[in-house]
């Protein structure tokens, strides 16, 4: 699947996307990413996920091949 990173995640990882082999729920993907990028745990824990441009819940099951956007909270004023 293709992971797309936005805002602070993109800046901290120094990339906007990457390909990974993964099958499981969004909650499991979050844990996978925390395992992979432990220093970003606080940001990943509060990030939203969108699959093929639609926001999904943590229980959503990924089969592989999807485009998954990882979107951290954005502050502004």
PDB file of N, CA and C in Angstrom:
ATOM      1  N   UNK A   1       0.845  -1.168   0.000  1.00  0.00           N
ATOM      2  CA  UNK A   1       0.000   0.000   0.000  1.00  0.00           C
ATOM      3  C   UNK A   1       0.892   1.233   0.000  1.00  0.00           C
ATOM      4  N   UNK A   2       0.311   2.326  -0.407  1.00  0.00           N
ATOM      5  CA  UNK A   2       1.047   3.585  -0.405  1.00  0.00           C
ATOM      6  C   UNK A   2       0.589   4.414   0.776  1.00  0.00           C
ATOM      7  N   UNK A   3       1.537   4.796   1.619  1.00  0.00           N
ATOM      8  CA  UNK A   3       1.268   5.691   2.742  1.00  0.00           C
ATOM      9  C   UNK A   3       1.631   7.103   2.324  1.00  0.00           C
ATOM     10  N   UNK A   4       0.732   8.029   2.560  1.00  0.00           N
ATOM     11  CA  UNK A   4       0.953   9.439   2.242  1.00  0.00           C
ATOM     12  C   UNK A   4       1.016  10.213   3.554  1.00  0.00           C
ATOM     13  N   UNK A   5       2.093  10.952   3.751  1.00  0.00           N
ATOM     14  CA  UNK A   5       2.286  11.702   4.993  1.00  0.00           C
ATOM     15  C   UNK A   5       2.061  13.187   4.746  1.00  0.00           C
ATOM     16  N   UNK A   6       1.414  13.835   5.713  1.00  0.00           N
ATOM     17  CA  UNK A   6       1.094  15.252   5.581  1.00  0.00           C
ATOM     18  C   UNK A   6       1.617  16.046   6.768  1.00  0.00           C
ATOM     19  N   UNK A   7       1.731  17.356   6.558  1.00  0.00           N
ATOM     20  CA  UNK A   7       2.075  18.340   7.583  1.00  0.00           C
ATOM     21  C   UNK A   7       3.330  17.948   8.366  1.00  0.00           C
ATOM     22  N   UNK A   8       3.240  17.952   9.700  1.00  0.00           N
ATOM     23  CA  UNK A   8       4.423  17.700  10.535  1.00  0.00           C
ATOM     24  C   UNK A   8       5.011  16.313  10.323  1.00  0.00           C
ATOM     25  N   UNK A   9       4.171  15.333  10.006  1.00  0.00           N
ATOM     26  CA  UNK A   9       4.710  13.989   9.747  1.00  0.00           C
ATOM     27  C   UNK A   9       5.626  14.012   8.529  1.00  0.00           C
ATOM     28  N   UNK A  10       5.177  14.686   7.481  1.00  0.00           N
ATOM     29  CA  UNK A  10       6.000  14.789   6.268  1.00  0.00           C
ATOM     30  C   UNK A  10       7.320  15.484   6.577  1.00  0.00           C
ATOM     31  N   UNK A  11       7.253  16.539   7.354  1.00  0.00           N
ATOM     32  CA  UNK A  11       8.470  17.285   7.708  1.00  0.00           C
ATOM     33  C   UNK A  11       9.418  16.436   8.551  1.00  0.00           C
ATOM     34  N   UNK A  12       8.893  15.761   9.566  1.00  0.00           N
ATOM     35  CA  UNK A  12       9.731  14.965  10.466  1.00  0.00           C
ATOM     36  C   UNK A  12      10.332  13.742   9.778  1.00  0.00           C
ATOM     37  N   UNK A  13       9.577  13.127   8.865  1.00  0.00           N
ATOM     38  CA  UNK A  13      10.075  11.941   8.160  1.00  0.00           C
ATOM     39  C   UNK A  13      10.914  12.306   6.942  1.00  0.00           C
ATOM     40  N   UNK A  14      10.822  13.571   6.541  1.00  0.00           N
ATOM     41  CA  UNK A  14      11.559  14.054   5.378  1.00  0.00           C
ATOM     42  C   UNK A  14      11.146  13.299   4.104  1.00  0.00           C
ATOM     43  N   UNK A  15       9.867  12.957   4.036  1.00  0.00           N
ATOM     44  CA  UNK A  15       9.303  12.319   2.834  1.00  0.00           C
ATOM     45  C   UNK A  15       7.789  12.491   2.867  1.00  0.00           C
ATOM     46  N   UNK A  16       7.199  12.444   1.707  1.00  0.00           N
ATOM     47  CA  UNK A  16       5.751  12.622   1.631  1.00  0.00           C
ATOM     48  C   UNK A  16       5.014  11.303   1.443  1.00  0.00           C
ATOM     49  N   UNK A  17       5.740  10.249   1.072  1.00  0.00           N
ATOM     50  CA  UNK A  17       5.078   8.959   0.875  1.00  0.00           C
ATOM     51  C   UNK A  17       6.080   7.820   0.951  1.00  0.00           C
ATOM     52  N   UNK A  18       5.534   6.616   1.133  1.00  0.00           N
ATOM     53  CA  UNK A  18       6.348   5.406   1.072  1.00  0.00           C
ATOM     54  C   UNK A  18       5.439   4.213   0.801  1.00  0.00           C
ATOM     55  N   UNK A  19       6.005   3.172   0.255  1.00  0.00           N
ATOM     56  CA  UNK A  19       5.279   1.926  -0.006  1.00  0.00           C
ATOM     57  C   UNK A  19       5.597   0.942   1.118  1.00  0.00           C
ATOM     58  N   UNK A  20       4.564   0.283   1.652  1.00  0.00           N
ATOM     59  CA  UNK A  20       4.751  -0.747   2.676  1.00  0.00           C
ATOM     60  C   UNK A  20       3.850  -1.931   2.375  1.00  0.00           C
ATOM     61  N   UNK A  21       4.280  -3.102   2.818  1.00  0.00           N
ATOM     62  CA  UNK A  21       3.447  -4.297   2.762  1.00  0.00           C
ATOM     63  C   UNK A  21       2.732  -4.382   4.103  1.00  0.00           C
ATOM     64  N   UNK A  22       1.402  -4.312   4.079  1.00  0.00           N
ATOM     65  CA  UNK A  22       0.651  -4.348   5.330  1.00  0.00           C
ATOM     66  C   UNK A  22      -0.775  -4.807   5.059  1.00  0.00           C
ATOM     67  N   UNK A  23      -1.283  -5.624   5.977  1.00  0.00           N
ATOM     68  CA  UNK A  23      -2.686  -6.020   5.969  1.00  0.00           C
ATOM     69  C   UNK A  23      -3.149  -6.053   7.412  1.00  0.00           C
ATOM     70  N   UNK A  24      -4.237  -5.374   7.719  1.00  0.00           N
ATOM     71  CA  UNK A  24      -4.761  -5.314   9.072  1.00  0.00           C
ATOM     72  C   UNK A  24      -5.610  -4.076   9.236  1.00  0.00           C
ATOM     73  N   UNK A  25      -5.978  -3.777  10.472  1.00  0.00           N
ATOM     74  CA  UNK A  25      -6.832  -2.622  10.743  1.00  0.00           C
ATOM     75  C   UNK A  25      -5.998  -1.337  10.804  1.00  0.00           C
ATOM     76  N   UNK A  26      -6.711  -0.229  10.771  1.00  0.00           N
ATOM     77  CA  UNK A  26      -6.048   1.071  10.933  1.00  0.00           C
ATOM     78  C   UNK A  26      -5.351   1.128  12.295  1.00  0.00           C
ATOM     79  N   UNK A  27      -5.977   0.591  13.336  1.00  0.00           N
ATOM     80  CA  UNK A  27      -5.354   0.564  14.666  1.00  0.00           C
ATOM     81  C   UNK A  27      -4.031  -0.204  14.616  1.00  0.00           C
ATOM     82  N   UNK A  28      -4.010  -1.318  13.899  1.00  0.00           N
ATOM     83  CA  UNK A  28      -2.779  -2.098  13.763  1.00  0.00           C
ATOM     84  C   UNK A  28      -1.746  -1.345  12.921  1.00  0.00           C
ATOM     85  N   UNK A  29      -2.210  -0.617  11.910  1.00  0.00           N
ATOM     86  CA  UNK A  29      -1.287   0.195  11.110  1.00  0.00           C
ATOM     87  C   UNK A  29      -0.672   1.287  11.972  1.00  0.00           C
ATOM     88  N   UNK A  30      -1.478   1.907  12.823  1.00  0.00           N
ATOM     89  CA  UNK A  30      -0.954   2.940  13.731  1.00  0.00           C
ATOM     90  C   UNK A  30       0.161   2.344  14.603  1.00  0.00           C
ATOM     91  N   UNK A  31      -0.087   1.150  15.164  1.00  0.00           N
ATOM     92  CA  UNK A  31       0.928   0.479  15.989  1.00  0.00           C
ATOM     93  C   UNK A  31       2.178   0.139  15.169  1.00  0.00           C
ATOM     94  N   UNK A  32       1.976  -0.307  13.941  1.00  0.00           N
ATOM     95  CA  UNK A  32       3.088  -0.614  13.030  1.00  0.00           C
ATOM     96  C   UNK A  32       3.954   0.630  12.816  1.00  0.00           C
ATOM     97  N   UNK A  33       3.303   1.763  12.583  1.00  0.00           N
ATOM     98  CA  UNK A  33       4.040   3.007  12.347  1.00  0.00           C
ATOM     99  C   UNK A  33       4.730   3.489  13.620  1.00  0.00           C
ATOM    100  N   UNK A  34       4.091   3.327  14.771  1.00  0.00           N
ATOM    101  CA  UNK A  34       4.720   3.712  16.040  1.00  0.00           C
ATOM    102  C   UNK A  34       5.948   2.842  16.290  1.00  0.00           C
ATOM    103  N   UNK A  35       5.840   1.573  15.975  1.00  0.00           N
ATOM    104  CA  UNK A  35       6.981   0.663  16.094  1.00  0.00           C
ATOM    105  C   UNK A  35       8.122   1.095  15.185  1.00  0.00           C
ATOM    106  N   UNK A  36       7.776   1.512  14.001  1.00  0.00           N
ATOM    107  CA  UNK A  36       8.763   1.893  12.986  1.00  0.00           C
ATOM    108  C   UNK A  36       9.376   3.268  13.265  1.00  0.00           C
ATOM    109  N   UNK A  37       8.540   4.201  13.713  1.00  0.00           N
ATOM    110  CA  UNK A  37       8.966   5.582  13.943  1.00  0.00           C
ATOM    111  C   UNK A  37       8.601   5.990  15.366  1.00  0.00           C
ATOM    112  N   UNK A  38       9.209   5.337  16.341  1.00  0.00           N
ATOM    113  CA  UNK A  38       8.887   5.539  17.751  1.00  0.00           C
ATOM    114  C   UNK A  38       8.926   6.975  18.217  1.00  0.00           C
ATOM    115  N   UNK A  39       9.847   7.756  17.662  1.00  0.00           N
ATOM    116  CA  UNK A  39       9.974   9.154  18.077  1.00  0.00           C
ATOM    117  C   UNK A  39       8.746   9.978  17.684  1.00  0.00           C
ATOM    118  N   UNK A  40       7.942   9.454  16.769  1.00  0.00           N
ATOM    119  CA  UNK A  40       6.745  10.173  16.323  1.00  0.00           C
ATOM    120  C   UNK A  40       5.464   9.662  16.989  1.00  0.00           C
ATOM    121  N   UNK A  41       5.606   8.829  18.013  1.00  0.00           N
ATOM    122  CA  UNK A  41       4.440   8.240  18.672  1.00  0.00           C
ATOM    123  C   UNK A  41       3.394   9.270  19.094  1.00  0.00           C
ATOM    124  N   UNK A  42       3.778  10.372  19.763  1.00  0.00           N
ATOM    125  CA  UNK A  42       2.751  11.332  20.185  1.00  0.00           C
ATOM    126  C   UNK A  42       1.947  11.883  18.999  1.00  0.00           C
ATOM    127  N   UNK A  43       2.595  12.104  17.887  1.00  0.00           N
ATOM    128  CA  UNK A  43       1.932  12.637  16.702  1.00  0.00           C
ATOM    129  C   UNK A  43       1.074  11.566  16.026  1.00  0.00           C
ATOM    130  N   UNK A  44       1.585  10.358  15.945  1.00  0.00           N
ATOM    131  CA  UNK A  44       0.837   9.270  15.306  1.00  0.00           C
ATOM    132  C   UNK A  44      -0.410   8.887  16.100  1.00  0.00           C
ATOM    133  N   UNK A  45      -0.338   8.978  17.424  1.00  0.00           N
ATOM    134  CA  UNK A  45      -1.484   8.614  18.265  1.00  0.00           C
ATOM    135  C   UNK A  45      -2.687   9.518  18.029  1.00  0.00           C
ATOM    136  N   UNK A  46      -2.464  10.751  17.608  1.00  0.00           N
ATOM    137  CA  UNK A  46      -3.565  11.689  17.399  1.00  0.00           C
ATOM    138  C   UNK A  46      -3.859  11.954  15.917  1.00  0.00           C
ATOM    139  N   UNK A  47      -3.178  11.246  15.039  1.00  0.00           N
ATOM    140  CA  UNK A  47      -3.385  11.430  13.601  1.00  0.00           C
ATOM    141  C   UNK A  47      -4.658  10.737  13.132  1.00  0.00           C
ATOM    142  N   UNK A  48      -5.254  11.289  12.096  1.00  0.00           N
ATOM    143  CA  UNK A  48      -6.406  10.692  11.418  1.00  0.00           C
ATOM    144  C   UNK A  48      -5.895   9.928  10.200  1.00  0.00           C
ATOM    145  N   UNK A  49      -6.677   8.955   9.764  1.00  0.00           N
ATOM    146  CA  UNK A  49      -6.314   8.157   8.593  1.00  0.00           C
ATOM    147  C   UNK A  49      -7.438   8.230   7.569  1.00  0.00           C
ATOM    148  N   UNK A  50      -7.059   8.368   6.315  1.00  0.00           N
ATOM    149  CA  UNK A  50      -8.018   8.355   5.214  1.00  0.00           C
ATOM    150  C   UNK A  50      -7.569   7.288   4.217  1.00  0.00           C
ATOM    151  N   UNK A  51      -8.518   6.497   3.764  1.00  0.00           N
ATOM    152  CA  UNK A  51      -8.239   5.448   2.784  1.00  0.00           C
ATOM    153  C   UNK A  51      -8.920   5.836   1.485  1.00  0.00           C
ATOM    154  N   UNK A  52      -8.102   5.927   0.437  1.00  0.00           N
ATOM    155  CA  UNK A  52      -8.629   6.323  -0.873  1.00  0.00           C
ATOM    156  C   UNK A  52      -9.487   7.582  -0.761  1.00  0.00           C
ATOM    157  N   UNK A  53      -8.971   8.559  -0.001  1.00  0.00           N
ATOM    158  CA  UNK A  53      -9.533   9.904   0.160  1.00  0.00           C
ATOM    159  C   UNK A  53     -10.798   9.983   1.016  1.00  0.00           C
ATOM    160  N   UNK A  54     -11.061   8.946   1.842  1.00  0.00           N
ATOM    161  CA  UNK A  54     -12.190   8.991   2.775  1.00  0.00           C
ATOM    162  C   UNK A  54     -11.701   8.651   4.170  1.00  0.00           C
ATOM    163  N   UNK A  55     -12.063   9.492   5.153  1.00  0.00           N
ATOM    164  CA  UNK A  55     -11.674   9.215   6.531  1.00  0.00           C
ATOM    165  C   UNK A  55     -12.282   7.891   6.988  1.00  0.00           C
ATOM    166  N   UNK A  56     -11.491   7.133   7.760  1.00  0.00           N
ATOM    167  CA  UNK A  56     -11.955   5.836   8.250  1.00  0.00           C
ATOM    168  C   UNK A  56     -11.686   5.723   9.746  1.00  0.00           C
ATOM    169  N   UNK A  57     -12.406   4.807  10.385  1.00  0.00           N
ATOM    170  CA  UNK A  57     -12.246   4.521  11.810  1.00  0.00           C
ATOM    171  C   UNK A  57     -11.091   3.543  12.016  1.00  0.00           C
ATOM    172  N   UNK A  58     -10.652   3.417  13.274  1.00  0.00           N
ATOM    173  CA  UNK A  58      -9.553   2.506  13.611  1.00  0.00           C
ATOM    174  C   UNK A  58      -9.867   1.045  13.294  1.00  0.00           C
ATOM    175  N   UNK A  59     -11.142   0.695  13.211  1.00  0.00           N
ATOM    176  CA  UNK A  59     -11.527  -0.691  12.951  1.00  0.00           C
ATOM    177  C   UNK A  59     -11.522  -1.047  11.461  1.00  0.00           C
ATOM    178  N   UNK A  60     -11.328  -0.065  10.590  1.00  0.00           N
ATOM    179  CA  UNK A  60     -11.326  -0.308   9.152  1.00  0.00           C
ATOM    180  C   UNK A  60     -10.213  -1.285   8.796  1.00  0.00           C
ATOM    181  N   UNK A  61     -10.532  -2.318   8.002  1.00  0.00           N
ATOM    182  CA  UNK A  61      -9.549  -3.342   7.642  1.00  0.00           C
ATOM    183  C   UNK A  61      -8.930  -3.046   6.281  1.00  0.00           C
ATOM    184  N   UNK A  62      -7.605  -2.967   6.271  1.00  0.00           N
ATOM    185  CA  UNK A  62      -6.842  -2.729   5.042  1.00  0.00           C
ATOM    186  C   UNK A  62      -6.447  -4.064   4.424  1.00  0.00           C
ATOM    187  N   UNK A  63      -6.655  -4.186   3.136  1.00  0.00           N
ATOM    188  CA  UNK A  63      -6.338  -5.433   2.440  1.00  0.00           C
ATOM    189  C   UNK A  63      -5.031  -5.353   1.654  1.00  0.00           C
ATOM    190  N   UNK A  64      -4.487  -4.152   1.513  1.00  0.00           N
ATOM    191  CA  UNK A  64      -3.290  -3.956   0.709  1.00  0.00           C
ATOM    192  C   UNK A  64      -3.688  -3.307  -0.605  1.00  0.00           C
ATOM    193  N   UNK A  65      -2.805  -2.500  -1.149  1.00  0.00           N
ATOM    194  CA  UNK A  65      -3.086  -1.830  -2.404  1.00  0.00           C
ATOM    195  C   UNK A  65      -3.767  -0.477  -2.262  1.00  0.00           C
ATOM    196  N   UNK A  66      -4.218  -0.146  -1.060  1.00  0.00           N
ATOM    197  CA  UNK A  66      -4.891   1.137  -0.844  1.00  0.00           C
ATOM    198  C   UNK A  66      -3.880   2.293  -0.784  1.00  0.00           C
ATOM    199  N   UNK A  67      -4.424   3.501  -0.916  1.00  0.00           N
ATOM    200  CA  UNK A  67      -3.670   4.736  -0.663  1.00  0.00           C
ATOM    201  C   UNK A  67      -4.149   5.240   0.690  1.00  0.00           C
ATOM    202  N   UNK A  68      -3.257   5.274   1.657  1.00  0.00           N
ATOM    203  CA  UNK A  68      -3.632   5.644   3.026  1.00  0.00           C
ATOM    204  C   UNK A  68      -2.924   6.941   3.401  1.00  0.00           C
ATOM    205  N   UNK A  69      -3.727   7.953   3.670  1.00  0.00           N
ATOM    206  CA  UNK A  69      -3.189   9.241   4.110  1.00  0.00           C
ATOM    207  C   UNK A  69      -3.132   9.256   5.629  1.00  0.00           C
ATOM    208  N   UNK A  70      -1.988   9.693   6.158  1.00  0.00           N
ATOM    209  CA  UNK A  70      -1.805   9.825   7.602  1.00  0.00           C
ATOM    210  C   UNK A  70      -1.749  11.326   7.874  1.00  0.00           C
ATOM    211  N   UNK A  71      -2.771  11.828   8.577  1.00  0.00           N
ATOM    212  CA  UNK A  71      -2.964  13.272   8.712  1.00  0.00           C
ATOM    213  C   UNK A  71      -2.926  13.680  10.177  1.00  0.00           C
ATOM    214  N   UNK A  72      -1.845  14.329  10.593  1.00  0.00           N
ATOM    215  CA  UNK A  72      -1.765  14.793  11.983  1.00  0.00           C
ATOM    216  C   UNK A  72      -2.656  16.013  12.187  1.00  0.00           C
ATOM    217  N   UNK A  73      -2.963  16.330  13.444  1.00  0.00           N
ATOM    218  CA  UNK A  73      -3.764  17.538  13.703  1.00  0.00           C
ATOM    219  C   UNK A  73      -3.010  18.773  13.197  1.00  0.00           C
ATOM    220  N   UNK A  74      -3.775  19.732  12.745  1.00  0.00           N
ATOM    221  CA  UNK A  74      -3.181  20.967  12.234  1.00  0.00           C
ATOM    222  C   UNK A  74      -3.669  22.114  13.095  1.00  0.00           C
ATOM    223  N   UNK A  75      -2.733  22.940  13.527  1.00  0.00           N
ATOM    224  CA  UNK A  75      -3.155  24.115  14.300  1.00  0.00           C
ATOM    225  C   UNK A  75      -2.958  25.348  13.436  1.00  0.00           C
ATOM    226  N   UNK A  76      -3.672  26.337  13.724  1.00  0.00           N
ATOM    227  CA  UNK A  76      -3.552  27.569  12.950  1.00  0.00           C
ATOM    228  C   UNK A  76      -4.455  28.635  13.542  1.00  0.00           C
ATOM    229  N   UNK A  77      -4.391  29.773  12.960  1.00  0.00           N
ATOM    230  CA  UNK A  77      -5.230  30.826  13.491  1.00  0.00           C
ATOM    231  C   UNK A  77      -5.475  31.895  12.498  1.00  0.00           C
TER     232      UNK A  77
END
